Amino acid sequence: MPDQVVWFDVPVLDLDRAIQFYSAVFGGKVSKQEYPGMSIGVLPHEGSEVGGCLVVSDSIKPSDQGPLLYFNAQGRLDEAVGQVEHNGGKVLQAKHSIGPYGFRALVLDSEGNRIALHST
């Protein structure tokens, strides 16, 4: 079965602040793209990899109660977690084992979304 997730939108309140947060935590550039009537921040991905973007919307707002997205911090989980608070986020649960699935840290991004940073 192919990847079930093909794209996702992360709701944000301040696009530039969110781009700064995710660029620092991911250690890669989030690219701002402008379209008539809207701007988005495209998260780093290549080719057919699952991708997503940061988006300001009147109809969806950041939340710490919705689905939990796991973002790949392979080989740099400690560094990624170290960037969270320096860039307006909050560490909810420090790096911890999730058994045979590796390690994760739960954080709030700069906008109030609960996300997981993951590494094997």
PDB file of N, CA and C in Angstrom:
ATOM      1  N   MET A   1       0.850  -1.177   0.000  1.00  0.00           N
ATOM      2  CA  MET A   1       0.000   0.000   0.000  1.00  0.00           C
ATOM      3  C   MET A   1       0.897   1.243   0.000  1.00  0.00           C
ATOM      4  N   PRO A   2       0.628   2.210  -0.833  1.00  0.00           N
ATOM      5  CA  PRO A   2       1.433   3.433  -0.858  1.00  0.00           C
ATOM      6  C   PRO A   2       1.241   4.234   0.428  1.00  0.00           C
ATOM      7  N   ASP A   3       2.112   5.222   0.609  1.00  0.00           N
ATOM      8  CA  ASP A   3       1.982   6.088   1.778  1.00  0.00           C
ATOM      9  C   ASP A   3       0.563   6.610   1.877  1.00  0.00           C
ATOM     10  N   GLN A   4      -0.008   6.526   3.057  1.00  0.00           N
ATOM     11  CA  GLN A   4      -1.378   6.976   3.235  1.00  0.00           C
ATOM     12  C   GLN A   4      -1.462   8.487   3.413  1.00  0.00           C
ATOM     13  N   VAL A   5      -0.411   9.089   3.940  1.00  0.00           N
ATOM     14  CA  VAL A   5      -0.373  10.538   4.054  1.00  0.00           C
ATOM     15  C   VAL A   5       0.388  11.063   2.843  1.00  0.00           C
ATOM     16  N   VAL A   6      -0.207  12.000   2.116  1.00  0.00           N
ATOM     17  CA  VAL A   6       0.445  12.548   0.922  1.00  0.00           C
ATOM     18  C   VAL A   6       0.785  14.019   1.073  1.00  0.00           C
ATOM     19  N   TRP A   7       0.085  14.731   1.929  1.00  0.00           N
ATOM     20  CA  TRP A   7       0.319  16.162   2.152  1.00  0.00           C
ATOM     21  C   TRP A   7      -0.398  16.544   3.428  1.00  0.00           C
ATOM     22  N   PHE A   8       0.066  17.577   4.094  1.00  0.00           N
ATOM     23  CA  PHE A   8      -0.625  18.083   5.273  1.00  0.00           C
ATOM     24  C   PHE A   8      -0.425  19.584   5.386  1.00  0.00           C
ATOM     25  N   ASP A   9      -1.394  20.242   5.987  1.00  0.00           N
ATOM     26  CA  ASP A   9      -1.329  21.663   6.291  1.00  0.00           C
ATOM     27  C   ASP A   9      -1.211  21.813   7.801  1.00  0.00           C
ATOM     28  N   VAL A  10      -0.254  22.616   8.241  1.00  0.00           N
ATOM     29  CA  VAL A  10      -0.101  22.933   9.656  1.00  0.00           C
ATOM     30  C   VAL A  10      -0.629  24.352   9.848  1.00  0.00           C
ATOM     31  N   PRO A  11      -1.685  24.531  10.632  1.00  0.00           N
ATOM     32  CA  PRO A  11      -2.230  25.867  10.819  1.00  0.00           C
ATOM     33  C   PRO A  11      -1.306  26.723  11.685  1.00  0.00           C
ATOM     34  N   VAL A  12      -1.120  27.973  11.283  1.00  0.00           N
ATOM     35  CA  VAL A  12      -0.282  28.904  12.032  1.00  0.00           C
ATOM     36  C   VAL A  12      -0.987  30.255  12.128  1.00  0.00           C
ATOM     37  N   LEU A  13      -0.582  31.041  13.105  1.00  0.00           N
ATOM     38  CA  LEU A  13      -1.128  32.386  13.271  1.00  0.00           C
ATOM     39  C   LEU A  13      -0.235  33.431  12.619  1.00  0.00           C
ATOM     40  N   ASP A  14       1.083  33.232  12.707  1.00  0.00           N
ATOM     41  CA  ASP A  14       2.062  34.176  12.170  1.00  0.00           C
ATOM     42  C   ASP A  14       3.007  33.378  11.271  1.00  0.00           C
ATOM     43  N   LEU A  15       2.872  33.511   9.969  1.00  0.00           N
ATOM     44  CA  LEU A  15       3.626  32.689   9.023  1.00  0.00           C
ATOM     45  C   LEU A  15       5.130  32.892   9.155  1.00  0.00           C
ATOM     46  N   ASP A  16       5.587  34.127   9.250  1.00  0.00           N
ATOM     47  CA  ASP A  16       7.028  34.368   9.339  1.00  0.00           C
ATOM     48  C   ASP A  16       7.616  33.777  10.620  1.00  0.00           C
ATOM     49  N   ARG A  17       6.920  33.919  11.734  1.00  0.00           N
ATOM     50  CA  ARG A  17       7.386  33.338  12.999  1.00  0.00           C
ATOM     51  C   ARG A  17       7.441  31.813  12.888  1.00  0.00           C
ATOM     52  N   ALA A  18       6.417  31.207  12.294  1.00  0.00           N
ATOM     53  CA  ALA A  18       6.376  29.750  12.136  1.00  0.00           C
ATOM     54  C   ALA A  18       7.486  29.269  11.198  1.00  0.00           C
ATOM     55  N   ILE A  19       7.738  30.008  10.129  1.00  0.00           N
ATOM     56  CA  ILE A  19       8.833  29.648   9.213  1.00  0.00           C
ATOM     57  C   ILE A  19      10.163  29.669   9.960  1.00  0.00           C
ATOM     58  N   GLN A  20      10.378  30.671  10.792  1.00  0.00           N
ATOM     59  CA  GLN A  20      11.616  30.747  11.582  1.00  0.00           C
ATOM     60  C   GLN A  20      11.728  29.551  12.522  1.00  0.00           C
ATOM     61  N   PHE A  21      10.634  29.207  13.213  1.00  0.00           N
ATOM     62  CA  PHE A  21      10.622  28.082  14.143  1.00  0.00           C
ATOM     63  C   PHE A  21      10.962  26.774  13.428  1.00  0.00           C
ATOM     64  N   TYR A  22      10.218  26.454  12.377  1.00  0.00           N
ATOM     65  CA  TYR A  22      10.409  25.176  11.695  1.00  0.00           C
ATOM     66  C   TYR A  22      11.753  25.104  10.974  1.00  0.00           C
ATOM     67  N   SER A  23      12.240  26.196  10.433  1.00  0.00           N
ATOM     68  CA  SER A  23      13.565  26.195   9.799  1.00  0.00           C
ATOM     69  C   SER A  23      14.637  25.878  10.829  1.00  0.00           C
ATOM     70  N   ALA A  24      14.537  26.480  12.019  1.00  0.00           N
ATOM     71  CA  ALA A  24      15.532  26.240  13.070  1.00  0.00           C
ATOM     72  C   ALA A  24      15.444  24.818  13.613  1.00  0.00           C
ATOM     73  N   VAL A  25      14.246  24.352  13.888  1.00  0.00           N
ATOM     74  CA  VAL A  25      14.076  23.016  14.465  1.00  0.00           C
ATOM     75  C   VAL A  25      14.441  21.930  13.462  1.00  0.00           C
ATOM     76  N   PHE A  26      14.064  22.102  12.197  1.00  0.00           N
ATOM     77  CA  PHE A  26      14.362  21.101  11.180  1.00  0.00           C
ATOM     78  C   PHE A  26      15.790  21.203  10.666  1.00  0.00           C
ATOM     79  N   GLY A  27      16.448  22.324  10.889  1.00  0.00           N
ATOM     80  CA  GLY A  27      17.807  22.497  10.370  1.00  0.00           C
ATOM     81  C   GLY A  27      17.829  22.608   8.858  1.00  0.00           C
ATOM     82  N   GLY A  28      16.728  23.053   8.290  1.00  0.00           N
ATOM     83  CA  GLY A  28      16.612  23.210   6.840  1.00  0.00           C
ATOM     84  C   GLY A  28      15.634  24.322   6.530  1.00  0.00           C
ATOM     85  N   LYS A  29      15.773  24.901   5.372  1.00  0.00           N
ATOM     86  CA  LYS A  29      14.974  26.070   5.016  1.00  0.00           C
ATOM     87  C   LYS A  29      13.529  25.712   4.686  1.00  0.00           C
ATOM     88  N   VAL A  30      12.614  26.398   5.349  1.00  0.00           N
ATOM     89  CA  VAL A  30      11.207  26.359   4.977  1.00  0.00           C
ATOM     90  C   VAL A  30      11.023  27.501   3.986  1.00  0.00           C
ATOM     91  N   SER A  31      10.537  27.177   2.800  1.00  0.00           N
ATOM     92  CA  SER A  31      10.454  28.207   1.755  1.00  0.00           C
ATOM     93  C   SER A  31       9.079  28.866   1.742  1.00  0.00           C
ATOM     94  N   LYS A  32       9.096  30.189   1.766  1.00  0.00           N
ATOM     95  CA  LYS A  32       7.853  30.959   1.702  1.00  0.00           C
ATOM     96  C   LYS A  32       7.458  31.093   0.244  1.00  0.00           C
ATOM     97  N   GLN A  33       6.203  30.772  -0.038  1.00  0.00           N
ATOM     98  CA  GLN A  33       5.690  30.895  -1.402  1.00  0.00           C
ATOM     99  C   GLN A  33       4.459  31.794  -1.375  1.00  0.00           C
ATOM    100  N   GLU A  34       4.423  32.727  -2.305  1.00  0.00           N
ATOM    101  CA  GLU A  34       3.342  33.702  -2.384  1.00  0.00           C
ATOM    102  C   GLU A  34       2.406  33.347  -3.545  1.00  0.00           C
ATOM    103  N   TYR A  35       1.131  33.399  -3.267  1.00  0.00           N
ATOM    104  CA  TYR A  35       0.101  33.182  -4.281  1.00  0.00           C
ATOM    105  C   TYR A  35      -0.921  34.298  -4.137  1.00  0.00           C
ATOM    106  N   PRO A  36      -1.708  34.579  -5.154  1.00  0.00           N
ATOM    107  CA  PRO A  36      -2.729  35.621  -5.019  1.00  0.00           C
ATOM    108  C   PRO A  36      -3.641  35.341  -3.820  1.00  0.00           C
ATOM    109  N   GLY A  37      -3.637  36.247  -2.874  1.00  0.00           N
ATOM    110  CA  GLY A  37      -4.502  36.121  -1.709  1.00  0.00           C
ATOM    111  C   GLY A  37      -3.996  35.238  -0.595  1.00  0.00           C
ATOM    112  N   MET A  38      -2.821  34.642  -0.742  1.00  0.00           N
ATOM    113  CA  MET A  38      -2.302  33.776   0.330  1.00  0.00           C
ATOM    114  C   MET A  38      -0.809  33.546   0.216  1.00  0.00           C
ATOM    115  N   SER A  39      -0.219  33.207   1.344  1.00  0.00           N
ATOM    116  CA  SER A  39       1.182  32.804   1.417  1.00  0.00           C
ATOM    117  C   SER A  39       1.243  31.525   2.227  1.00  0.00           C
ATOM    118  N   ILE A  40       2.197  30.646   1.897  1.00  0.00           N
ATOM    119  CA  ILE A  40       2.406  29.415   2.650  1.00  0.00           C
ATOM    120  C   ILE A  40       3.897  29.232   2.888  1.00  0.00           C
ATOM    121  N   GLY A  41       4.229  28.419   3.856  1.00  0.00           N
ATOM    122  CA  GLY A  41       5.605  28.017   4.099  1.00  0.00           C
ATOM    123  C   GLY A  41       5.719  26.537   3.807  1.00  0.00           C
ATOM    124  N   VAL A  42       6.429  26.176   2.738  1.00  0.00           N
ATOM    125  CA  VAL A  42       6.547  24.769   2.336  1.00  0.00           C
ATOM    126  C   VAL A  42       7.684  24.120   3.128  1.00  0.00           C
ATOM    127  N   LEU A  43       7.343  23.038   3.829  1.00  0.00           N
ATOM    128  CA  LEU A  43       8.321  22.317   4.631  1.00  0.00           C
ATOM    129  C   LEU A  43       9.273  21.541   3.728  1.00  0.00           C
ATOM    130  N   PRO A  44      10.529  21.378   4.174  1.00  0.00           N
ATOM    131  CA  PRO A  44      11.516  20.691   3.333  1.00  0.00           C
ATOM    132  C   PRO A  44      11.082  19.262   2.980  1.00  0.00           C
ATOM    133  N   HIS A  45      11.116  18.944   1.709  1.00  0.00           N
ATOM    134  CA  HIS A  45      10.874  17.588   1.218  1.00  0.00           C
ATOM    135  C   HIS A  45      11.347  17.538  -0.237  1.00  0.00           C
ATOM    136  N   GLU A  46      11.535  16.328  -0.736  1.00  0.00           N
ATOM    137  CA  GLU A  46      12.010  16.170  -2.109  1.00  0.00           C
ATOM    138  C   GLU A  46      11.157  15.160  -2.865  1.00  0.00           C
ATOM    139  N   GLY A  47      11.024  15.392  -4.139  1.00  0.00           N
ATOM    140  CA  GLY A  47      10.368  14.437  -5.030  1.00  0.00           C
ATOM    141  C   GLY A  47       9.036  13.941  -4.511  1.00  0.00           C
ATOM    142  N   SER A  48       8.915  12.619  -4.391  1.00  0.00           N
ATOM    143  CA  SER A  48       7.648  12.020  -3.983  1.00  0.00           C
ATOM    144  C   SER A  48       7.528  11.828  -2.471  1.00  0.00           C
ATOM    145  N   GLU A  49       8.465  12.399  -1.691  1.00  0.00           N
ATOM    146  CA  GLU A  49       8.351  12.322  -0.236  1.00  0.00           C
ATOM    147  C   GLU A  49       7.075  13.032   0.213  1.00  0.00           C
ATOM    148  N   VAL A  50       6.529  12.592   1.333  1.00  0.00           N
ATOM    149  CA  VAL A  50       5.374  13.272   1.904  1.00  0.00           C
ATOM    150  C   VAL A  50       5.793  14.692   2.256  1.00  0.00           C
ATOM    151  N   GLY A  51       4.968  15.655   1.906  1.00  0.00           N
ATOM    152  CA  GLY A  51       5.266  17.044   2.187  1.00  0.00           C
ATOM    153  C   GLY A  51       4.120  17.728   2.886  1.00  0.00           C
ATOM    154  N   GLY A  52       4.393  18.955   3.310  1.00  0.00           N
ATOM    155  CA  GLY A  52       3.366  19.735   3.966  1.00  0.00           C
ATOM    156  C   GLY A  52       3.748  21.195   3.978  1.00  0.00           C
ATOM    157  N   CYS A  53       2.827  21.992   4.486  1.00  0.00           N
ATOM    158  CA  CYS A  53       3.095  23.425   4.523  1.00  0.00           C
ATOM    159  C   CYS A  53       2.502  24.053   5.769  1.00  0.00           C
ATOM    160  N   LEU A  54       2.977  25.241   6.048  1.00  0.00           N
ATOM    161  CA  LEU A  54       2.453  26.093   7.098  1.00  0.00           C
ATOM    162  C   LEU A  54       1.467  27.036   6.431  1.00  0.00           C
ATOM    163  N   VAL A  55       0.302  27.211   7.032  1.00  0.00           N
ATOM    164  CA  VAL A  55      -0.724  28.023   6.385  1.00  0.00           C
ATOM    165  C   VAL A  55      -1.516  28.825   7.416  1.00  0.00           C
ATOM    166  N   VAL A  56      -1.753  30.086   7.114  1.00  0.00           N
ATOM    167  CA  VAL A  56      -2.628  30.931   7.916  1.00  0.00           C
ATOM    168  C   VAL A  56      -4.031  30.789   7.340  1.00  0.00           C
ATOM    169  N   SER A  57      -5.000  30.541   8.202  1.00  0.00           N
ATOM    170  CA  SER A  57      -6.370  30.316   7.734  1.00  0.00           C
ATOM    171  C   SER A  57      -7.374  30.896   8.723  1.00  0.00           C
ATOM    172  N   ASP A  58      -8.466  31.413   8.198  1.00  0.00           N
ATOM    173  CA  ASP A  58      -9.548  31.876   9.061  1.00  0.00           C
ATOM    174  C   ASP A  58     -10.356  30.703   9.618  1.00  0.00           C
ATOM    175  N   SER A  59     -10.289  29.549   8.954  1.00  0.00           N
ATOM    176  CA  SER A  59     -11.155  28.437   9.343  1.00  0.00           C
ATOM    177  C   SER A  59     -10.463  27.364  10.191  1.00  0.00           C
ATOM    178  N   ILE A  60      -9.139  27.290  10.166  1.00  0.00           N
ATOM    179  CA  ILE A  60      -8.445  26.323  11.025  1.00  0.00           C
ATOM    180  C   ILE A  60      -7.418  27.060  11.866  1.00  0.00           C
ATOM    181  N   LYS A  61      -7.304  26.674  13.126  1.00  0.00           N
ATOM    182  CA  LYS A  61      -6.403  27.328  14.068  1.00  0.00           C
ATOM    183  C   LYS A  61      -5.469  26.298  14.695  1.00  0.00           C
ATOM    184  N   PRO A  62      -4.289  26.737  15.128  1.00  0.00           N
ATOM    185  CA  PRO A  62      -3.366  25.835  15.812  1.00  0.00           C
ATOM    186  C   PRO A  62      -4.033  25.198  17.035  1.00  0.00           C
ATOM    187  N   SER A  63      -3.594  23.975  17.357  1.00  0.00           N
ATOM    188  CA  SER A  63      -4.186  23.257  18.492  1.00  0.00           C
ATOM    189  C   SER A  63      -3.194  22.263  19.062  1.00  0.00           C
ATOM    190  N   ASP A  64      -3.336  22.022  20.351  1.00  0.00           N
ATOM    191  CA  ASP A  64      -2.551  20.968  20.989  1.00  0.00           C
ATOM    192  C   ASP A  64      -3.414  19.735  21.234  1.00  0.00           C
ATOM    193  N   GLN A  65      -4.588  19.693  20.635  1.00  0.00           N
ATOM    194  CA  GLN A  65      -5.543  18.610  20.869  1.00  0.00           C
ATOM    195  C   GLN A  65      -5.818  17.729  19.658  1.00  0.00           C
ATOM    196  N   GLY A  66      -5.329  18.102  18.483  1.00  0.00           N
ATOM    197  CA  GLY A  66      -5.660  17.367  17.269  1.00  0.00           C
ATOM    198  C   GLY A  66      -4.701  16.217  17.001  1.00  0.00           C
ATOM    199  N   PRO A  67      -4.680  15.735  15.779  1.00  0.00           N
ATOM    200  CA  PRO A  67      -3.775  14.648  15.400  1.00  0.00           C
ATOM    201  C   PRO A  67      -2.324  15.034  15.702  1.00  0.00           C
ATOM    202  N   LEU A  68      -1.532  14.046  16.054  1.00  0.00           N
ATOM    203  CA  LEU A  68      -0.125  14.277  16.386  1.00  0.00           C
ATOM    204  C   LEU A  68       0.737  13.919  15.177  1.00  0.00           C
ATOM    205  N   LEU A  69       1.361  14.931  14.577  1.00  0.00           N
ATOM    206  CA  LEU A  69       2.269  14.712  13.452  1.00  0.00           C
ATOM    207  C   LEU A  69       3.668  14.416  13.983  1.00  0.00           C
ATOM    208  N   TYR A  70       4.297  13.381  13.442  1.00  0.00           N
ATOM    209  CA  TYR A  70       5.677  13.038  13.786  1.00  0.00           C
ATOM    210  C   TYR A  70       6.571  13.570  12.678  1.00  0.00           C
ATOM    211  N   PHE A  71       7.520  14.425  13.045  1.00  0.00           N
ATOM    212  CA  PHE A  71       8.456  14.981  12.076  1.00  0.00           C
ATOM    213  C   PHE A  71       9.814  14.313  12.245  1.00  0.00           C
ATOM    214  N   ASN A  72      10.446  14.008  11.139  1.00  0.00           N
ATOM    215  CA  ASN A  72      11.720  13.307  11.115  1.00  0.00           C
ATOM    216  C   ASN A  72      12.853  14.209  11.601  1.00  0.00           C
ATOM    217  N   ALA A  73      13.481  13.805  12.691  1.00  0.00           N
ATOM    218  CA  ALA A  73      14.669  14.496  13.205  1.00  0.00           C
ATOM    219  C   ALA A  73      15.813  13.486  13.284  1.00  0.00           C
ATOM    220  N   GLN A  74      15.825  12.557  12.334  1.00  0.00           N
ATOM    221  CA  GLN A  74      16.786  11.461  12.324  1.00  0.00           C
ATOM    222  C   GLN A  74      18.218  11.979  12.449  1.00  0.00           C
ATOM    223  N   GLY A  75      18.934  11.482  13.461  1.00  0.00           N
ATOM    224  CA  GLY A  75      20.338  11.823  13.656  1.00  0.00           C
ATOM    225  C   GLY A  75      20.572  13.191  14.261  1.00  0.00           C
ATOM    226  N   ARG A  76      19.493  13.954  14.519  1.00  0.00           N
ATOM    227  CA  ARG A  76      19.663  15.285  15.092  1.00  0.00           C
ATOM    228  C   ARG A  76      18.532  15.637  16.060  1.00  0.00           C
ATOM    229  N   LEU A  77      17.992  14.625  16.717  1.00  0.00           N
ATOM    230  CA  LEU A  77      16.872  14.850  17.630  1.00  0.00           C
ATOM    231  C   LEU A  77      17.255  15.790  18.766  1.00  0.00           C
ATOM    232  N   ASP A  78      18.404  15.583  19.389  1.00  0.00           N
ATOM    233  CA  ASP A  78      18.817  16.458  20.494  1.00  0.00           C
ATOM    234  C   ASP A  78      18.973  17.899  20.020  1.00  0.00           C
ATOM    235  N   GLU A  79      19.565  18.090  18.855  1.00  0.00           N
ATOM    236  CA  GLU A  79      19.732  19.431  18.288  1.00  0.00           C
ATOM    237  C   GLU A  79      18.376  20.072  18.000  1.00  0.00           C
ATOM    238  N   ALA A  80      17.455  19.303  17.417  1.00  0.00           N
ATOM    239  CA  ALA A  80      16.124  19.824  17.104  1.00  0.00           C
ATOM    240  C   ALA A  80      15.399  20.254  18.372  1.00  0.00           C
ATOM    241  N   VAL A  81      15.423  19.409  19.399  1.00  0.00           N
ATOM    242  CA  VAL A  81      14.766  19.748  20.661  1.00  0.00           C
ATOM    243  C   VAL A  81      15.414  20.994  21.269  1.00  0.00           C
ATOM    244  N   GLY A  82      16.731  21.118  21.126  1.00  0.00           N
ATOM    245  CA  GLY A  82      17.437  22.280  21.642  1.00  0.00           C
ATOM    246  C   GLY A  82      17.028  23.586  20.985  1.00  0.00           C
ATOM    247  N   GLN A  83      16.487  23.531  19.786  1.00  0.00           N
ATOM    248  CA  GLN A  83      16.059  24.740  19.073  1.00  0.00           C
ATOM    249  C   GLN A  83      14.630  25.162  19.410  1.00  0.00           C
ATOM    250  N   VAL A  84      13.861  24.291  20.032  1.00  0.00           N
ATOM    251  CA  VAL A  84      12.437  24.549  20.254  1.00  0.00           C
ATOM    252  C   VAL A  84      12.210  25.823  21.068  1.00  0.00           C
ATOM    253  N   GLU A  85      12.740  25.878  22.274  1.00  0.00           N
ATOM    254  CA  GLU A  85      12.458  27.019  23.146  1.00  0.00           C
ATOM    255  C   GLU A  85      13.141  28.290  22.672  1.00  0.00           C
ATOM    256  N   HIS A  86      14.293  28.159  22.012  1.00  0.00           N
ATOM    257  CA  HIS A  86      14.989  29.339  21.471  1.00  0.00           C
ATOM    258  C   HIS A  86      14.191  29.996  20.351  1.00  0.00           C
ATOM    259  N   ASN A  87      13.226  29.274  19.799  1.00  0.00           N
ATOM    260  CA  ASN A  87      12.451  29.784  18.669  1.00  0.00           C
ATOM    261  C   ASN A  87      10.960  29.879  18.977  1.00  0.00           C
ATOM    262  N   GLY A  88      10.632  30.068  20.245  1.00  0.00           N
ATOM    263  CA  GLY A  88       9.260  30.364  20.637  1.00  0.00           C
ATOM    264  C   GLY A  88       8.375  29.183  20.933  1.00  0.00           C
ATOM    265  N   GLY A  89       8.927  27.973  20.956  1.00  0.00           N
ATOM    266  CA  GLY A  89       8.137  26.794  21.266  1.00  0.00           C
ATOM    267  C   GLY A  89       8.309  26.367  22.712  1.00  0.00           C
ATOM    268  N   LYS A  90       7.773  25.210  23.058  1.00  0.00           N
ATOM    269  CA  LYS A  90       7.851  24.688  24.417  1.00  0.00           C
ATOM    270  C   LYS A  90       8.012  23.174  24.359  1.00  0.00           C
ATOM    271  N   VAL A  91       8.951  22.637  25.116  1.00  0.00           N
ATOM    272  CA  VAL A  91       9.125  21.187  25.199  1.00  0.00           C
ATOM    273  C   VAL A  91       8.106  20.655  26.199  1.00  0.00           C
ATOM    274  N   LEU A  92       7.213  19.809  25.729  1.00  0.00           N
ATOM    275  CA  LEU A  92       6.186  19.212  26.586  1.00  0.00           C
ATOM    276  C   LEU A  92       6.696  17.937  27.241  1.00  0.00           C
ATOM    277  N   GLN A  93       7.438  17.148  26.477  1.00  0.00           N
ATOM    278  CA  GLN A  93       7.991  15.889  26.978  1.00  0.00           C
ATOM    279  C   GLN A  93       9.343  15.717  26.317  1.00  0.00           C
ATOM    280  N   ALA A  94      10.403  15.708  27.113  1.00  0.00           N
ATOM    281  CA  ALA A  94      11.764  15.596  26.592  1.00  0.00           C
ATOM    282  C   ALA A  94      11.938  14.280  25.831  1.00  0.00           C
ATOM    283  N   LYS A  95      13.029  14.162  25.135  1.00  0.00           N
ATOM    284  CA  LYS A  95      13.349  12.951  24.378  1.00  0.00           C
ATOM    285  C   LYS A  95      13.149  11.719  25.254  1.00  0.00           C
ATOM    286  N   HIS A  96      12.424  10.747  24.728  1.00  0.00           N
ATOM    287  CA  HIS A  96      12.175   9.508  25.455  1.00  0.00           C
ATOM    288  C   HIS A  96      11.988   8.361  24.468  1.00  0.00           C
ATOM    289  N   SER A  97      12.201   7.163  24.955  1.00  0.00           N
ATOM    290  CA  SER A  97      12.089   5.964  24.123  1.00  0.00           C
ATOM    291  C   SER A  97      10.628   5.651  23.838  1.00  0.00           C
ATOM    292  N   ILE A  98      10.393   5.203  22.619  1.00  0.00           N
ATOM    293  CA  ILE A  98       9.083   4.655  22.269  1.00  0.00           C
ATOM    294  C   ILE A  98       9.289   3.215  21.792  1.00  0.00           C
ATOM    295  N   GLY A  99      10.106   2.510  22.573  1.00  0.00           N
ATOM    296  CA  GLY A  99      10.371   1.094  22.337  1.00  0.00           C
ATOM    297  C   GLY A  99      11.067   0.842  21.017  1.00  0.00           C
ATOM    298  N   PRO A 100      10.611  -0.154  20.279  1.00  0.00           N
ATOM    299  CA  PRO A 100      11.293  -0.510  19.029  1.00  0.00           C
ATOM    300  C   PRO A 100      11.135   0.548  17.926  1.00  0.00           C
ATOM    301  N   TYR A 101      10.360   1.593  18.196  1.00  0.00           N
ATOM    302  CA  TYR A 101      10.114   2.628  17.186  1.00  0.00           C
ATOM    303  C   TYR A 101      11.044   3.826  17.329  1.00  0.00           C
ATOM    304  N   GLY A 102      11.992   3.744  18.267  1.00  0.00           N
ATOM    305  CA  GLY A 102      12.987   4.796  18.397  1.00  0.00           C
ATOM    306  C   GLY A 102      12.718   5.740  19.546  1.00  0.00           C
ATOM    307  N   PHE A 103      12.893   7.038  19.272  1.00  0.00           N
ATOM    308  CA  PHE A 103      12.780   8.067  20.294  1.00  0.00           C
ATOM    309  C   PHE A 103      11.938   9.217  19.758  1.00  0.00           C
ATOM    310  N   ARG A 104      11.295   9.913  20.683  1.00  0.00           N
ATOM    311  CA  ARG A 104      10.548  11.103  20.297  1.00  0.00           C
ATOM    312  C   ARG A 104      10.619  12.121  21.420  1.00  0.00           C
ATOM    313  N   ALA A 105      10.311  13.351  21.066  1.00  0.00           N
ATOM    314  CA  ALA A 105      10.079  14.423  22.024  1.00  0.00           C
ATOM    315  C   ALA A 105       8.780  15.088  21.594  1.00  0.00           C
ATOM    316  N   LEU A 106       7.943  15.435  22.550  1.00  0.00           N
ATOM    317  CA  LEU A 106       6.699  16.139  22.250  1.00  0.00           C
ATOM    318  C   LEU A 106       6.909  17.616  22.550  1.00  0.00           C
ATOM    319  N   VAL A 107       6.539  18.457  21.595  1.00  0.00           N
ATOM    320  CA  VAL A 107       6.739  19.896  21.749  1.00  0.00           C
ATOM    321  C   VAL A 107       5.516  20.662  21.248  1.00  0.00           C
ATOM    322  N   LEU A 108       5.396  21.903  21.710  1.00  0.00           N
ATOM    323  CA  LEU A 108       4.471  22.852  21.120  1.00  0.00           C
ATOM    324  C   LEU A 108       5.297  23.726  20.196  1.00  0.00           C
ATOM    325  N   ASP A 109       4.828  23.913  18.972  1.00  0.00           N
ATOM    326  CA  ASP A 109       5.551  24.807  18.068  1.00  0.00           C
ATOM    327  C   ASP A 109       5.290  26.255  18.468  1.00  0.00           C
ATOM    328  N   SER A 110       5.832  27.177  17.739  1.00  0.00           N
ATOM    329  CA  SER A 110       5.689  28.600  18.068  1.00  0.00           C
ATOM    330  C   SER A 110       4.252  29.091  17.968  1.00  0.00           C
ATOM    331  N   GLU A 111       3.389  28.293  17.334  1.00  0.00           N
ATOM    332  CA  GLU A 111       2.002  28.688  17.110  1.00  0.00           C
ATOM    333  C   GLU A 111       1.019  28.006  18.034  1.00  0.00           C
ATOM    334  N   GLY A 112       1.466  27.010  18.815  1.00  0.00           N
ATOM    335  CA  GLY A 112       0.591  26.295  19.722  1.00  0.00           C
ATOM    336  C   GLY A 112       0.168  24.917  19.260  1.00  0.00           C
ATOM    337  N   ASN A 113       0.778  24.411  18.157  1.00  0.00           N
ATOM    338  CA  ASN A 113       0.490  23.049  17.687  1.00  0.00           C
ATOM    339  C   ASN A 113       1.373  22.058  18.432  1.00  0.00           C
ATOM    340  N   ARG A 114       0.788  20.966  18.899  1.00  0.00           N
ATOM    341  CA  ARG A 114       1.545  19.875  19.500  1.00  0.00           C
ATOM    342  C   ARG A 114       2.068  19.008  18.369  1.00  0.00           C
ATOM    343  N   ILE A 115       3.401  18.790  18.352  1.00  0.00           N
ATOM    344  CA  ILE A 115       4.030  17.943  17.351  1.00  0.00           C
ATOM    345  C   ILE A 115       5.026  17.011  18.034  1.00  0.00           C
ATOM    346  N   ALA A 116       5.415  15.967  17.330  1.00  0.00           N
ATOM    347  CA  ALA A 116       6.447  15.056  17.815  1.00  0.00           C
ATOM    348  C   ALA A 116       7.667  15.176  16.912  1.00  0.00           C
ATOM    349  N   LEU A 117       8.841  15.201  17.529  1.00  0.00           N
ATOM    350  CA  LEU A 117      10.103  15.121  16.796  1.00  0.00           C
ATOM    351  C   LEU A 117      10.608  13.702  17.003  1.00  0.00           C
ATOM    352  N   HIS A 118      10.955  12.995  15.934  1.00  0.00           N
ATOM    353  CA  HIS A 118      11.221  11.555  15.985  1.00  0.00           C
ATOM    354  C   HIS A 118      12.578  11.189  15.405  1.00  0.00           C
ATOM    355  N   SER A 119      13.202  10.185  15.997  1.00  0.00           N
ATOM    356  CA  SER A 119      14.447   9.605  15.461  1.00  0.00           C
ATOM    357  C   SER A 119      14.514   8.152  15.908  1.00  0.00           C
ATOM    358  N   THR A 120      15.116   7.307  15.058  1.00  0.00           N
ATOM    359  CA  THR A 120      15.274   5.904  15.448  1.00  0.00           C
ATOM    360  C   THR A 120      16.533   5.732  16.249  1.00  0.00           C
TER     361      THR A 120
END
